[in-house]
PDB file of N, CA and C in Angstrom:
ATOM      1  N   MET A   1       0.177  30.776  59.577  1.00  0.00           N
ATOM      2  CA  MET A   1      -0.313  31.786  60.514  1.00  0.00           C
ATOM      3  C   MET A   1      -0.276  31.057  62.386  1.00  0.00           C
ATOM      4  N   THR A   2       0.148  32.153  63.243  1.00  0.00           N
ATOM      5  CA  THR A   2       0.462  31.028  64.004  1.00  0.00           C
ATOM      6  C   THR A   2      -1.393  30.814  64.790  1.00  0.00           C
ATOM      7  N   GLU A   3      -1.630  30.384  65.869  1.00  0.00           N
ATOM      8  CA  GLU A   3      -2.794  30.441  66.550  1.00  0.00           C
ATOM      9  C   GLU A   3      -2.811  31.718  67.556  1.00  0.00           C
ATOM     10  N   LYS A   4      -4.209  31.813  66.843  1.00  0.00           N
ATOM     11  CA  LYS A   4      -4.518  33.444  68.070  1.00  0.00           C
ATOM     12  C   LYS A   4      -5.637  32.910  69.141  1.00  0.00           C
ATOM     13  N   HIS A   5      -5.931  33.895  69.836  1.00  0.00           N
ATOM     14  CA  HIS A   5      -6.907  33.608  70.997  1.00  0.00           C
ATOM     15  C   HIS A   5      -7.479  35.039  71.346  1.00  0.00           C
ATOM     16  N   PHE A   6      -8.178  35.656  71.048  1.00  0.00           N
ATOM     17  CA  PHE A   6      -9.107  36.847  71.086  1.00  0.00           C
ATOM     18  C   PHE A   6      -9.389  37.036  72.579  1.00  0.00           C
ATOM     19  N   ASN A   7      -9.014  37.916  73.034  1.00  0.00           N
ATOM     20  CA  ASN A   7      -9.456  38.122  74.728  1.00  0.00           C
ATOM     21  C   ASN A   7     -10.355  39.759  74.197  1.00  0.00           C
ATOM     22  N   GLY A   8     -11.161  39.452  75.582  1.00  0.00           N
ATOM     23  CA  GLY A   8     -11.135  40.908  75.958  1.00  0.00           C
ATOM     24  C   GLY A   8     -12.937  41.232  75.761  1.00  0.00           C
ATOM     25  N   PHE A   9     -13.600  39.636  75.223  1.00  0.00           N
ATOM     26  CA  PHE A   9     -14.805  39.786  74.937  1.00  0.00           C
ATOM     27  C   PHE A   9     -15.796  39.578  76.083  1.00  0.00           C
ATOM     28  N   GLY A  10     -14.907  39.428  77.455  1.00  0.00           N
ATOM     29  CA  GLY A  10     -16.062  38.790  78.384  1.00  0.00           C
ATOM     30  C   GLY A  10     -16.565  38.279  78.470  1.00  0.00           C
ATOM     31  N   ASN A  11     -16.514  37.190  78.001  1.00  0.00           N
ATOM     32  CA  ASN A  11     -16.906  35.409  78.190  1.00  0.00           C
ATOM     33  C   ASN A  11     -15.793  34.907  78.579  1.00  0.00           C
ATOM     34  N   PRO A  12     -16.582  33.782  79.430  1.00  0.00           N
ATOM     35  CA  PRO A  12     -15.747  32.576  79.203  1.00  0.00           C
ATOM     36  C   PRO A  12     -14.924  31.812  78.623  1.00  0.00           C
ATOM     37  N   TYR A  13     -15.648  32.033  77.195  1.00  0.00           N
ATOM     38  CA  TYR A  13     -14.869  31.343  76.110  1.00  0.00           C
ATOM     39  C   TYR A  13     -14.584  32.254  74.763  1.00  0.00           C
ATOM     40  N   ASP A  14     -13.567  32.996  74.903  1.00  0.00           N
ATOM     41  CA  ASP A  14     -13.025  34.076  73.951  1.00  0.00           C
ATOM     42  C   ASP A  14     -13.178  33.148  72.652  1.00  0.00           C
ATOM     43  N   PRO A  15     -12.903  33.896  71.187  1.00  0.00           N
ATOM     44  CA  PRO A  15     -12.913  32.940  70.146  1.00  0.00           C
ATOM     45  C   PRO A  15     -11.912  32.816  70.219  1.00  0.00           C
ATOM     46  N   SER A  16     -11.027  32.054  68.636  1.00  0.00           N
ATOM     47  CA  SER A  16      -9.623  31.965  68.886  1.00  0.00           C
ATOM     48  C   SER A  16      -9.993  31.525  66.956  1.00  0.00           C
ATOM     49  N   PHE A  17      -8.356  30.989  66.525  1.00  0.00           N
ATOM     50  CA  PHE A  17      -8.395  30.919  65.395  1.00  0.00           C
ATOM     51  C   PHE A  17      -7.015  29.716  65.803  1.00  0.00           C
ATOM     52  N   GLY A  18      -6.972  28.968  65.401  1.00  0.00           N
ATOM     53  CA  GLY A  18      -5.962  27.980  64.827  1.00  0.00           C
ATOM     54  C   GLY A  18      -5.660  26.569  63.608  1.00  0.00           C
ATOM     55  N   GLU A  19      -4.752  26.548  63.001  1.00  0.00           N
ATOM     56  CA  GLU A  19      -5.170  25.522  62.091  1.00  0.00           C
ATOM     57  C   GLU A  19      -6.223  25.622  61.028  1.00  0.00           C
ATOM     58  N   GLY A  20      -6.027  27.312  60.585  1.00  0.00           N
ATOM     59  CA  GLY A  20      -7.402  27.230  59.466  1.00  0.00           C
ATOM     60  C   GLY A  20      -9.166  27.328  60.053  1.00  0.00           C
ATOM     61  N   ILE A  21      -9.235  27.120  61.051  1.00  0.00           N
ATOM     62  CA  ILE A  21     -10.673  27.290  61.918  1.00  0.00           C
ATOM     63  C   ILE A  21     -10.335  28.629  62.834  1.00  0.00           C
ATOM     64  N   VAL A  22     -11.622  29.150  62.748  1.00  0.00           N
ATOM     65  CA  VAL A  22     -12.042  30.283  63.220  1.00  0.00           C
ATOM     66  C   VAL A  22     -13.131  29.576  64.733  1.00  0.00           C
ATOM     67  N   CYS A  23     -12.485  29.228  65.763  1.00  0.00           N
ATOM     68  CA  CYS A  23     -13.690  29.113  66.600  1.00  0.00           C
ATOM     69  C   CYS A  23     -14.420  29.984  67.386  1.00  0.00           C
ATOM     70  N   THR A  24     -15.665  30.014  67.475  1.00  0.00           N
ATOM     71  CA  THR A  24     -16.052  31.489  67.921  1.00  0.00           C
ATOM     72  C   THR A  24     -16.218  31.433  69.407  1.00  0.00           C
ATOM     73  N   GLY A  25     -16.479  30.141  70.207  1.00  0.00           N
ATOM     74  CA  GLY A  25     -16.466  30.501  71.651  1.00  0.00           C
ATOM     75  C   GLY A  25     -17.781  30.458  72.365  1.00  0.00           C
ATOM     76  N   SER A  26     -17.907  31.444  73.020  1.00  0.00           N
ATOM     77  CA  SER A  26     -19.411  31.864  73.252  1.00  0.00           C
ATOM     78  C   SER A  26     -19.989  33.366  73.444  1.00  0.00           C
ATOM     79  N   ILE A  27     -19.021  33.384  71.789  1.00  0.00           N
ATOM     80  CA  ILE A  27     -19.977  34.912  71.715  1.00  0.00           C
ATOM     81  C   ILE A  27     -20.157  34.650  70.216  1.00  0.00           C
ATOM     82  N   SER A  28     -20.594  35.101  69.237  1.00  0.00           N
ATOM     83  CA  SER A  28     -21.429  35.745  68.437  1.00  0.00           C
ATOM     84  C   SER A  28     -20.989  35.100  67.087  1.00  0.00           C
ATOM     85  N   LYS A  29     -20.994  34.632  65.849  1.00  0.00           N
ATOM     86  CA  LYS A  29     -19.929  34.331  64.601  1.00  0.00           C
ATOM     87  C   LYS A  29     -20.106  35.657  64.143  1.00  0.00           C
ATOM     88  N   SER A  30     -20.903  36.470  64.000  1.00  0.00           N
ATOM     89  CA  SER A  30     -20.317  38.105  63.182  1.00  0.00           C
ATOM     90  C   SER A  30     -19.153  38.787  64.371  1.00  0.00           C
ATOM     91  N   GLU A  31     -19.190  38.853  65.346  1.00  0.00           N
ATOM     92  CA  GLU A  31     -18.361  38.999  66.703  1.00  0.00           C
ATOM     93  C   GLU A  31     -17.094  38.470  66.425  1.00  0.00           C
ATOM     94  N   SER A  32     -16.855  36.667  65.937  1.00  0.00           N
ATOM     95  CA  SER A  32     -15.898  36.187  65.571  1.00  0.00           C
ATOM     96  C   SER A  32     -15.391  36.575  64.427  1.00  0.00           C
ATOM     97  N   LEU A  33     -16.318  36.367  63.561  1.00  0.00           N
ATOM     98  CA  LEU A  33     -15.578  37.008  62.612  1.00  0.00           C
ATOM     99  C   LEU A  33     -14.749  38.402  62.096  1.00  0.00           C
ATOM    100  N   GLU A  34     -15.422  38.914  62.154  1.00  0.00           N
ATOM    101  CA  GLU A  34     -14.845  40.594  62.863  1.00  0.00           C
ATOM    102  C   GLU A  34     -13.282  40.394  63.210  1.00  0.00           C
ATOM    103  N   ALA A  35     -13.295  39.674  64.406  1.00  0.00           N
ATOM    104  CA  ALA A  35     -12.045  39.932  64.788  1.00  0.00           C
ATOM    105  C   ALA A  35     -11.088  39.183  64.162  1.00  0.00           C
ATOM    106  N   PHE A  36     -11.476  38.256  63.831  1.00  0.00           N
ATOM    107  CA  PHE A  36     -10.369  36.952  62.974  1.00  0.00           C
ATOM    108  C   PHE A  36      -9.876  38.128  61.743  1.00  0.00           C
ATOM    109  N   LEU A  37     -10.924  38.773  61.152  1.00  0.00           N
ATOM    110  CA  LEU A  37     -10.527  39.581  59.914  1.00  0.00           C
ATOM    111  C   LEU A  37      -9.952  40.989  60.379  1.00  0.00           C
ATOM    112  N   ASP A  38      -9.731  41.344  61.389  1.00  0.00           N
ATOM    113  CA  ASP A  38      -9.176  42.643  61.825  1.00  0.00           C
ATOM    114  C   ASP A  38      -7.963  41.795  62.141  1.00  0.00           C
ATOM    115  N   TYR A  39      -7.639  40.937  62.804  1.00  0.00           N
ATOM    116  CA  TYR A  39      -6.314  40.142  63.030  1.00  0.00           C
ATOM    117  C   TYR A  39      -5.698  40.240  61.852  1.00  0.00           C
ATOM    118  N   VAL A  40      -5.992  39.317  60.584  1.00  0.00           N
ATOM    119  CA  VAL A  40      -5.575  39.044  59.412  1.00  0.00           C
ATOM    120  C   VAL A  40      -5.410  40.498  58.756  1.00  0.00           C
ATOM    121  N   GLN A  41      -6.088  41.437  58.861  1.00  0.00           N
ATOM    122  CA  GLN A  41      -6.122  42.544  58.550  1.00  0.00           C
ATOM    123  C   GLN A  41      -6.600  42.274  56.685  1.00  0.00           C
ATOM    124  N   PHE A  42      -7.918  42.107  56.935  1.00  0.00           N
ATOM    125  CA  PHE A  42      -8.380  42.010  55.480  1.00  0.00           C
ATOM    126  C   PHE A  42     -10.106  42.032  55.566  1.00  0.00           C
ATOM    127  N   ARG A  43      -9.844  42.643  54.589  1.00  0.00           N
ATOM    128  CA  ARG A  43     -11.959  43.008  54.492  1.00  0.00           C
ATOM    129  C   ARG A  43     -12.186  42.552  53.503  1.00  0.00           C
ATOM    130  N   PRO A  44     -12.992  41.339  53.075  1.00  0.00           N
ATOM    131  CA  PRO A  44     -13.283  40.608  52.206  1.00  0.00           C
ATOM    132  C   PRO A  44     -14.735  41.510  51.284  1.00  0.00           C
ATOM    133  N   THR A  45     -15.011  41.476  50.117  1.00  0.00           N
ATOM    134  CA  THR A  45     -16.238  41.774  49.491  1.00  0.00           C
ATOM    135  C   THR A  45     -17.277  41.119  48.919  1.00  0.00           C
ATOM    136  N   ARG A  46     -16.701  39.683  49.690  1.00  0.00           N
ATOM    137  CA  ARG A  46     -17.866  38.691  49.725  1.00  0.00           C
ATOM    138  C   ARG A  46     -17.369  37.729  50.632  1.00  0.00           C
ATOM    139  N   ILE A  47     -18.426  37.390  51.472  1.00  0.00           N
ATOM    140  CA  ILE A  47     -18.782  36.116  52.755  1.00  0.00           C
ATOM    141  C   ILE A  47     -19.535  35.314  51.951  1.00  0.00           C
ATOM    142  N   ILE A  48     -18.664  33.962  52.058  1.00  0.00           N
ATOM    143  CA  ILE A  48     -19.678  32.824  51.869  1.00  0.00           C
ATOM    144  C   ILE A  48     -19.481  32.015  53.099  1.00  0.00           C
ATOM    145  N   PHE A  49     -21.188  32.192  53.849  1.00  0.00           N
ATOM    146  CA  PHE A  49     -21.050  31.255  55.227  1.00  0.00           C
ATOM    147  C   PHE A  49     -21.992  30.318  55.068  1.00  0.00           C
ATOM    148  N   ILE A  50     -21.527  29.165  55.652  1.00  0.00           N
ATOM    149  CA  ILE A  50     -22.385  27.562  55.436  1.00  0.00           C
ATOM    150  C   ILE A  50     -22.353  27.439  57.368  1.00  0.00           C
ATOM    151  N   ASP A  51     -23.816  27.692  57.478  1.00  0.00           N
ATOM    152  CA  ASP A  51     -24.203  26.823  59.062  1.00  0.00           C
ATOM    153  C   ASP A  51     -25.578  26.121  59.014  1.00  0.00           C
ATOM    154  N   ASP A  52     -25.405  25.397  59.911  1.00  0.00           N
ATOM    155  CA  ASP A  52     -26.920  24.770  60.099  1.00  0.00           C
ATOM    156  C   ASP A  52     -27.927  25.385  61.403  1.00  0.00           C
ATOM    157  N   ASN A  53     -27.335  26.594  61.798  1.00  0.00           N
ATOM    158  CA  ASN A  53     -28.411  27.211  62.041  1.00  0.00           C
ATOM    159  C   ASN A  53     -28.710  28.186  61.080  1.00  0.00           C
ATOM    160  N   LYS A  54     -29.818  28.466  61.639  1.00  0.00           N
ATOM    161  CA  LYS A  54     -30.494  29.906  60.971  1.00  0.00           C
ATOM    162  C   LYS A  54     -29.988  31.201  61.401  1.00  0.00           C
ATOM    163  N   ASP A  55     -30.059  31.291  62.938  1.00  0.00           N
ATOM    164  CA  ASP A  55     -30.098  32.309  63.490  1.00  0.00           C
ATOM    165  C   ASP A  55     -28.555  33.425  62.930  1.00  0.00           C
ATOM    166  N   ASN A  56     -27.526  31.876  63.266  1.00  0.00           N
ATOM    167  CA  ASN A  56     -25.880  32.108  62.934  1.00  0.00           C
ATOM    168  C   ASN A  56     -25.957  32.714  61.402  1.00  0.00           C
ATOM    169  N   LEU A  57     -26.418  32.410  60.329  1.00  0.00           N
ATOM    170  CA  LEU A  57     -26.391  33.056  59.062  1.00  0.00           C
ATOM    171  C   LEU A  57     -27.102  34.370  59.107  1.00  0.00           C
ATOM    172  N   ALA A  58     -28.379  34.600  59.941  1.00  0.00           N
ATOM    173  CA  ALA A  58     -28.914  35.910  60.044  1.00  0.00           C
ATOM    174  C   ALA A  58     -27.986  36.921  60.687  1.00  0.00           C
ATOM    175  N   ASP A  59     -27.471  36.593  61.550  1.00  0.00           N
ATOM    176  CA  ASP A  59     -26.513  37.382  62.314  1.00  0.00           C
ATOM    177  C   ASP A  59     -25.368  37.694  61.466  1.00  0.00           C
ATOM    178  N   VAL A  60     -24.800  36.790  60.476  1.00  0.00           N
ATOM    179  CA  VAL A  60     -23.838  37.246  59.844  1.00  0.00           C
ATOM    180  C   VAL A  60     -24.073  37.937  58.856  1.00  0.00           C
ATOM    181  N   SER A  61     -25.218  37.606  58.255  1.00  0.00           N
ATOM    182  CA  SER A  61     -25.928  38.556  56.926  1.00  0.00           C
ATOM    183  C   SER A  61     -26.267  39.984  57.497  1.00  0.00           C
ATOM    184  N   HIS A  62     -26.653  40.260  58.561  1.00  0.00           N
ATOM    185  CA  HIS A  62     -26.808  41.262  59.337  1.00  0.00           C
ATOM    186  C   HIS A  62     -25.446  42.309  59.425  1.00  0.00           C
ATOM    187  N   TRP A  63     -24.684  41.712  59.639  1.00  0.00           N
ATOM    188  CA  TRP A  63     -23.292  42.092  60.152  1.00  0.00           C
ATOM    189  C   TRP A  63     -22.247  42.361  58.781  1.00  0.00           C
ATOM    190  N   ALA A  64     -22.477  41.315  57.466  1.00  0.00           N
ATOM    191  CA  ALA A  64     -21.810  41.699  56.267  1.00  0.00           C
ATOM    192  C   ALA A  64     -22.884  43.153  55.593  1.00  0.00           C
ATOM    193  N   LYS A  65     -24.008  43.231  55.663  1.00  0.00           N
ATOM    194  CA  LYS A  65     -24.354  44.183  55.379  1.00  0.00           C
ATOM    195  C   LYS A  65     -24.037  45.350  56.020  1.00  0.00           C
ATOM    196  N   SER A  66     -24.295  45.432  56.802  1.00  0.00           N
ATOM    197  CA  SER A  66     -23.687  46.386  57.574  1.00  0.00           C
ATOM    198  C   SER A  66     -22.299  46.982  57.470  1.00  0.00           C
ATOM    199  N   LYS A  67     -21.446  46.463  56.795  1.00  0.00           N
ATOM    200  CA  LYS A  67     -19.777  46.409  56.666  1.00  0.00           C
ATOM    201  C   LYS A  67     -19.987  46.284  54.784  1.00  0.00           C
ATOM    202  N   ASN A  68     -20.977  46.519  54.077  1.00  0.00           N
ATOM    203  CA  ASN A  68     -21.548  46.638  52.582  1.00  0.00           C
ATOM    204  C   ASN A  68     -20.581  45.256  52.205  1.00  0.00           C
ATOM    205  N   ILE A  69     -20.819  44.337  52.928  1.00  0.00           N
ATOM    206  CA  ILE A  69     -19.884  43.006  52.100  1.00  0.00           C
ATOM    207  C   ILE A  69     -21.070  42.395  51.651  1.00  0.00           C
ATOM    208  N   ASP A  70     -20.536  41.582  50.696  1.00  0.00           N
ATOM    209  CA  ASP A  70     -21.767  40.349  49.404  1.00  0.00           C
ATOM    210  C   ASP A  70     -21.910  39.591  50.297  1.00  0.00           C
ATOM    211  N   PHE A  71     -23.080  39.268  50.409  1.00  0.00           N
ATOM    212  CA  PHE A  71     -23.084  37.727  51.242  1.00  0.00           C
ATOM    213  C   PHE A  71     -23.867  36.708  50.828  1.00  0.00           C
ATOM    214  N   VAL A  72     -23.136  35.332  51.026  1.00  0.00           N
ATOM    215  CA  VAL A  72     -24.018  34.118  50.808  1.00  0.00           C
ATOM    216  C   VAL A  72     -24.225  33.356  51.515  1.00  0.00           C
ATOM    217  N   GLY A  73     -25.276  32.961  52.256  1.00  0.00           N
ATOM    218  CA  GLY A  73     -25.770  32.015  53.106  1.00  0.00           C
ATOM    219  C   GLY A  73     -26.294  31.033  52.365  1.00  0.00           C
ATOM    220  N   ILE A  74     -25.830  29.954  53.336  1.00  0.00           N
ATOM    221  CA  ILE A  74     -25.983  28.312  52.972  1.00  0.00           C
ATOM    222  C   ILE A  74     -26.002  27.595  54.403  1.00  0.00           C
ATOM    223  N   HIS A  75     -27.447  27.232  54.454  1.00  0.00           N
ATOM    224  CA  HIS A  75     -27.999  26.369  55.410  1.00  0.00           C
ATOM    225  C   HIS A  75     -27.752  25.284  55.331  1.00  0.00           C
ATOM    226  N   TYR A  76     -26.586  24.303  55.898  1.00  0.00           N
ATOM    227  CA  TYR A  76     -26.170  23.020  56.013  1.00  0.00           C
ATOM    228  C   TYR A  76     -27.356  22.331  56.669  1.00  0.00           C
ATOM    229  N   ARG A  77     -28.105  21.417  55.853  1.00  0.00           N
ATOM    230  CA  ARG A  77     -29.067  20.714  56.994  1.00  0.00           C
ATOM    231  C   ARG A  77     -28.697  18.957  56.857  1.00  0.00           C
ATOM    232  N   GLU A  78     -27.682  18.340  55.954  1.00  0.00           N
ATOM    233  CA  GLU A  78     -26.977  17.465  56.091  1.00  0.00           C
ATOM    234  C   GLU A  78     -27.084  16.702  57.497  1.00  0.00           C
ATOM    235  N   ALA A  79     -26.632  17.608  58.232  1.00  0.00           N
ATOM    236  CA  ALA A  79     -26.443  17.243  60.138  1.00  0.00           C
ATOM    237  C   ALA A  79     -27.923  16.755  60.711  1.00  0.00           C
ATOM    238  N   ASP A  80     -28.747  17.143  60.338  1.00  0.00           N
ATOM    239  CA  ASP A  80     -30.574  16.825  60.178  1.00  0.00           C
ATOM    240  C   ASP A  80     -30.482  15.677  59.983  1.00  0.00           C
ATOM    241  N   ARG A  81     -30.228  14.822  59.016  1.00  0.00           N
ATOM    242  CA  ARG A  81     -30.494  13.757  58.363  1.00  0.00           C
ATOM    243  C   ARG A  81     -29.365  12.499  58.952  1.00  0.00           C
ATOM    244  N   VAL A  82     -28.592  12.657  60.037  1.00  0.00           N
ATOM    245  CA  VAL A  82     -27.329  11.514  60.206  1.00  0.00           C
ATOM    246  C   VAL A  82     -28.229  11.502  61.746  1.00  0.00           C
ATOM    247  N   SER A  83     -28.587  10.144  61.917  1.00  0.00           N
ATOM    248  CA  SER A  83     -28.237   9.855  63.481  1.00  0.00           C
ATOM    249  C   SER A  83     -27.351   9.313  64.144  1.00  0.00           C
ATOM    250  N   SER A  84     -27.356  10.520  65.382  1.00  0.00           N
ATOM    251  CA  SER A  84     -25.684  10.086  66.114  1.00  0.00           C
ATOM    252  C   SER A  84     -26.360   9.358  67.471  1.00  0.00           C
ATOM    253  N   LYS A  85     -25.234   8.590  67.795  1.00  0.00           N
ATOM    254  CA  LYS A  85     -25.467   7.586  69.064  1.00  0.00           C
ATOM    255  C   LYS A  85     -25.488   8.601  70.049  1.00  0.00           C
ATOM    256  N   PHE A  86     -24.581   9.384  70.428  1.00  0.00           N
ATOM    257  CA  PHE A  86     -24.636  10.307  71.225  1.00  0.00           C
ATOM    258  C   PHE A  86     -25.959  11.918  71.128  1.00  0.00           C
ATOM    259  N   PRO A  87     -26.646  11.879  72.433  1.00  0.00           N
ATOM    260  CA  PRO A  87     -27.402  13.004  72.018  1.00  0.00           C
ATOM    261  C   PRO A  87     -26.649  14.522  72.326  1.00  0.00           C
ATOM    262  N   PHE A  88     -26.910  15.447  72.283  1.00  0.00           N
ATOM    263  CA  PHE A  88     -25.742  16.547  72.597  1.00  0.00           C
ATOM    264  C   PHE A  88     -26.116  16.792  73.895  1.00  0.00           C
ATOM    265  N   SER A  89     -25.570  17.016  74.650  1.00  0.00           N
ATOM    266  CA  SER A  89     -25.030  17.315  76.252  1.00  0.00           C
ATOM    267  C   SER A  89     -24.205  18.729  76.477  1.00  0.00           C
ATOM    268  N   LYS A  90     -25.621  19.192  77.235  1.00  0.00           N
ATOM    269  CA  LYS A  90     -24.456  20.717  77.490  1.00  0.00           C
ATOM    270  C   LYS A  90     -23.838  20.500  78.367  1.00  0.00           C
ATOM    271  N   GLU A  91     -23.762  19.379  79.532  1.00  0.00           N
ATOM    272  CA  GLU A  91     -22.202  19.128  80.128  1.00  0.00           C
ATOM    273  C   GLU A  91     -20.791  18.725  79.422  1.00  0.00           C
ATOM    274  N   ARG A  92     -21.069  18.134  78.482  1.00  0.00           N
ATOM    275  CA  ARG A  92     -20.283  18.011  77.613  1.00  0.00           C
ATOM    276  C   ARG A  92     -19.620  18.612  76.925  1.00  0.00           C
ATOM    277  N   ALA A  93     -20.534  19.421  76.731  1.00  0.00           N
ATOM    278  CA  ALA A  93     -19.878  20.581  75.427  1.00  0.00           C
ATOM    279  C   ALA A  93     -19.454  21.599  76.540  1.00  0.00           C
ATOM    280  N   ARG A  94     -19.436  21.754  77.805  1.00  0.00           N
ATOM    281  CA  ARG A  94     -19.286  22.381  78.583  1.00  0.00           C
ATOM    282  C   ARG A  94     -17.804  22.051  79.042  1.00  0.00           C
ATOM    283  N   LEU A  95     -17.627  20.300  79.371  1.00  0.00           N
ATOM    284  CA  LEU A  95     -16.217  19.877  79.602  1.00  0.00           C
ATOM    285  C   LEU A  95     -15.454  20.299  78.605  1.00  0.00           C
ATOM    286  N   GLN A  96     -15.937  19.939  76.892  1.00  0.00           N
ATOM    287  CA  GLN A  96     -15.342  20.083  76.262  1.00  0.00           C
ATOM    288  C   GLN A  96     -14.551  21.840  75.987  1.00  0.00           C
ATOM    289  N   LEU A  97     -15.077  22.530  76.307  1.00  0.00           N
ATOM    290  CA  LEU A  97     -14.921  24.393  76.476  1.00  0.00           C
ATOM    291  C   LEU A  97     -13.696  24.075  77.471  1.00  0.00           C
ATOM    292  N   ASP A  98     -14.370  23.915  78.755  1.00  0.00           N
ATOM    293  CA  ASP A  98     -13.302  23.889  79.755  1.00  0.00           C
ATOM    294  C   ASP A  98     -12.114  23.324  79.434  1.00  0.00           C
ATOM    295  N   THR A  99     -11.761  21.839  79.103  1.00  0.00           N
ATOM    296  CA  THR A  99     -10.394  21.896  78.708  1.00  0.00           C
ATOM    297  C   THR A  99      -9.579  22.324  77.482  1.00  0.00           C
ATOM    298  N   VAL A 100     -10.377  23.236  76.219  1.00  0.00           N
ATOM    299  CA  VAL A 100      -9.848  23.886  75.346  1.00  0.00           C
ATOM    300  C   VAL A 100      -9.317  25.031  76.473  1.00  0.00           C
ATOM    301  N   VAL A 101      -9.891  25.472  77.201  1.00  0.00           N
ATOM    302  CA  VAL A 101      -9.259  26.412  77.773  1.00  0.00           C
ATOM    303  C   VAL A 101      -8.442  26.288  78.666  1.00  0.00           C
ATOM    304  N   GLU A 102      -8.191  25.146  79.376  1.00  0.00           N
ATOM    305  CA  GLU A 102      -7.413  24.555  80.815  1.00  0.00           C
ATOM    306  C   GLU A 102      -5.666  24.901  79.620  1.00  0.00           C
ATOM    307  N   LYS A 103      -6.025  23.920  78.836  1.00  0.00           N
ATOM    308  CA  LYS A 103      -4.888  23.650  77.456  1.00  0.00           C
ATOM    309  C   LYS A 103      -4.456  24.470  76.731  1.00  0.00           C
ATOM    310  N   ASP A 104      -5.218  25.414  76.788  1.00  0.00           N
ATOM    311  CA  ASP A 104      -4.591  26.625  75.837  1.00  0.00           C
ATOM    312  C   ASP A 104      -4.623  26.237  74.481  1.00  0.00           C
ATOM    313  N   ARG A 105      -5.503  25.576  74.304  1.00  0.00           N
ATOM    314  CA  ARG A 105      -5.356  24.931  72.616  1.00  0.00           C
ATOM    315  C   ARG A 105      -6.961  23.982  72.254  1.00  0.00           C
TER     316      ARG A 105
END
């Protein structure tokens, strides 16, 4: 399957798909998932979703329930235990997203 950029969400970083990964950009996980599933023309009966953020799990859970899709959510916490030399930086994240958009990949 080829790379796909989903346009029309009105956000600076729309979701995209490539190399087996759905990148949500600056929209919700559920909106990105729905765009991807529409793109591949597939409606699952069950979704297993793993995330480190409980809000993202709740978002996809509510979306799945509205679509009558069985949902299994796994709250991944291992990242909390791993120390990083680099603290989260909004500026670094913005630079990475800007680079992705500019390079179209």
